C-alpha atoms as a PDB file:
ATOM      1  CA  MET A   1      24.085 111.027-115.126  1.00  0.00           C
ATOM      2  CA  GLU A   2      21.475 110.307-117.555  1.00  0.00           C
ATOM      3  CA  ALA A   3      20.143 112.978-119.841  1.00  0.00           C
ATOM      4  CA  THR A   4      16.754 113.039-118.156  1.00  0.00           C
ATOM      5  CA  ALA A   5      18.372 113.646-114.788  1.00  0.00           C
ATOM      6  CA  LEU A   6      20.421 116.535-116.115  1.00  0.00           C
ATOM      7  CA  ALA A   7      17.196 117.956-117.725  1.00  0.00           C
ATOM      8  CA  TYR A   8      15.473 117.788-114.287  1.00  0.00           C
ATOM      9  CA  LEU A   9      18.444 119.421-112.666  1.00  0.00           C
ATOM     10  CA  GLY A  10      18.621 122.237-115.306  1.00  0.00           C
ATOM     11  CA  ALA A  11      14.866 122.777-114.962  1.00  0.00           C
ATOM     12  CA  GLY A  12      15.218 123.201-111.233  1.00  0.00           C
ATOM     13  CA  LEU A  13      18.212 125.449-111.442  1.00  0.00           C
ATOM     14  CA  SER A  14      16.619 127.709-114.102  1.00  0.00           C
ATOM     15  CA  ILE A  15      13.352 128.342-112.056  1.00  0.00           C
ATOM     16  CA  GLY A  16      15.361 128.617-108.904  1.00  0.00           C
ATOM     17  CA  VAL A  17      17.805 131.114-110.244  1.00  0.00           C
ATOM     18  CA  ALA A  18      14.968 133.138-111.942  1.00  0.00           C
ATOM     19  CA  ALA A  19      12.873 133.161-108.750  1.00  0.00           C
ATOM     20  CA  PHE A  20      15.806 134.459-106.864  1.00  0.00           C
ATOM     21  CA  GLY A  21      16.715 137.044-109.308  1.00  0.00           C
ATOM     22  CA  THR A  22      13.119 138.311-109.767  1.00  0.00           C
ATOM     23  CA  GLY A  23      12.567 138.454-105.991  1.00  0.00           C
ATOM     24  CA  ILE A  24      15.651 140.576-105.520  1.00  0.00           C
ATOM     25  CA  GLY A  25      14.654 142.910-108.473  1.00  0.00           C
ATOM     26  CA  MET A  26      11.124 143.287-107.177  1.00  0.00           C
ATOM     27  CA  GLY A  27      12.427 144.072-103.567  1.00  0.00           C
ATOM     28  CA  PHE A  28      14.761 146.751-104.884  1.00  0.00           C
ATOM     29  CA  MET A  29      11.936 148.172-107.063  1.00  0.00           C
ATOM     30  CA  VAL A  30       9.310 148.354-104.366  1.00  0.00           C
ATOM     31  CA  GLY A  31      11.765 149.685-101.786  1.00  0.00           C
ATOM     32  CA  LYS A  32      12.864 152.512-104.054  1.00  0.00           C
ATOM     33  CA  THR A  33       9.299 153.328-104.882  1.00  0.00           C
ATOM     34  CA  VAL A  34       8.323 153.569-101.318  1.00  0.00           C
ATOM     35  CA  GLU A  35      11.343 155.730-100.682  1.00  0.00           C
ATOM     36  CA  GLY A  36      10.279 157.984-103.571  1.00  0.00           C
ATOM     37  CA  ILE A  37       6.743 158.123-102.127  1.00  0.00           C
ATOM     38  CA  ALA A  38       8.055 159.011 -98.787  1.00  0.00           C
ATOM     39  CA  ARG A  39      10.124 161.882-100.207  1.00  0.00           C
ATOM     40  CA  GLN A  40       7.464 163.134-102.495  1.00  0.00           C
ATOM     41  CA  PRO A  41       3.964 162.033-101.580  1.00  0.00           C
ATOM     42  CA  GLU A  42       2.229 163.917-104.275  1.00  0.00           C
ATOM     43  CA  ALA A  43       3.935 161.633-106.944  1.00  0.00           C
ATOM     44  CA  LEU A  44       2.252 158.606-105.564  1.00  0.00           C
ATOM     45  CA  GLU A  45       0.071 157.813-108.711  1.00  0.00           C
ATOM     46  CA  ASP A  46       2.956 158.208-111.062  1.00  0.00           C
ATOM     47  CA  LEU A  47       5.248 156.116-109.053  1.00  0.00           C
ATOM     48  CA  ARG A  48       2.729 153.376-108.396  1.00  0.00           C
ATOM     49  CA  THR A  49       1.952 153.097-112.050  1.00  0.00           C
ATOM     50  CA  THR A  50       5.501 152.859-113.071  1.00  0.00           C
ATOM     51  CA  MET A  51       6.244 150.390-110.345  1.00  0.00           C
ATOM     52  CA  ILE A  52       3.375 148.015-111.367  1.00  0.00           C
ATOM     53  CA  ILE A  53       4.617 148.191-115.008  1.00  0.00           C
ATOM     54  CA  GLY A  54       8.149 147.421-113.891  1.00  0.00           C
ATOM     55  CA  ILE A  55       6.935 144.579-111.799  1.00  0.00           C
ATOM     56  CA  ALA A  56       5.075 142.966-114.746  1.00  0.00           C
ATOM     57  CA  PHE A  57       8.205 143.084-116.844  1.00  0.00           C
ATOM     58  CA  ILE A  58      10.255 141.469-114.054  1.00  0.00           C
ATOM     59  CA  GLU A  59       7.614 138.856-113.547  1.00  0.00           C
ATOM     60  CA  ALA A  60       7.762 138.029-117.252  1.00  0.00           C
ATOM     61  CA  LEU A  61      11.296 136.887-116.745  1.00  0.00           C
ATOM     62  CA  ALA A  62      10.219 134.378-114.136  1.00  0.00           C
ATOM     63  CA  LEU A  63       7.477 133.150-116.532  1.00  0.00           C
ATOM     64  CA  TYR A  64      10.092 132.677-119.295  1.00  0.00           C
ATOM     65  CA  ALA A  65      12.189 130.622-116.959  1.00  0.00           C
ATOM     66  CA  LEU A  66       9.199 128.563-116.002  1.00  0.00           C
ATOM     67  CA  VAL A  67       8.533 127.837-119.680  1.00  0.00           C
ATOM     68  CA  ILE A  68      12.156 126.721-120.202  1.00  0.00           C
ATOM     69  CA  SER A  69      11.767 124.435-117.274  1.00  0.00           C
ATOM     70  CA  PHE A  70       8.654 122.873-118.591  1.00  0.00           C
ATOM     71  CA  LEU A  71      10.425 122.405-121.931  1.00  0.00           C
ATOM     72  CA  LEU A  72      13.258 120.731-120.199  1.00  0.00           C
ATOM     73  CA  ILE A  73      11.008 118.401-118.208  1.00  0.00           C
ATOM     74  CA  PHE A  74       8.628 117.348-120.841  1.00  0.00           C
ATOM     75  CA  LYS A  75      11.035 117.109-123.865  1.00  0.00           C
END
């Protein structure tokens, strides 16, 4: 294979694995937050704020993978 083809393959794999991982991570986080809200409804505001901050950190990982993919494609 040529180096360009391997770069495209690496870019696709990096964003694919990152999307898969972040999707699973967000699913677990939202599920546990909903479970916590169901058990203790008065903690809604605290749990929601913590969940949104956590989702932002998880989403940053996907953005890093996207940047790496762009670097591989346009090198």
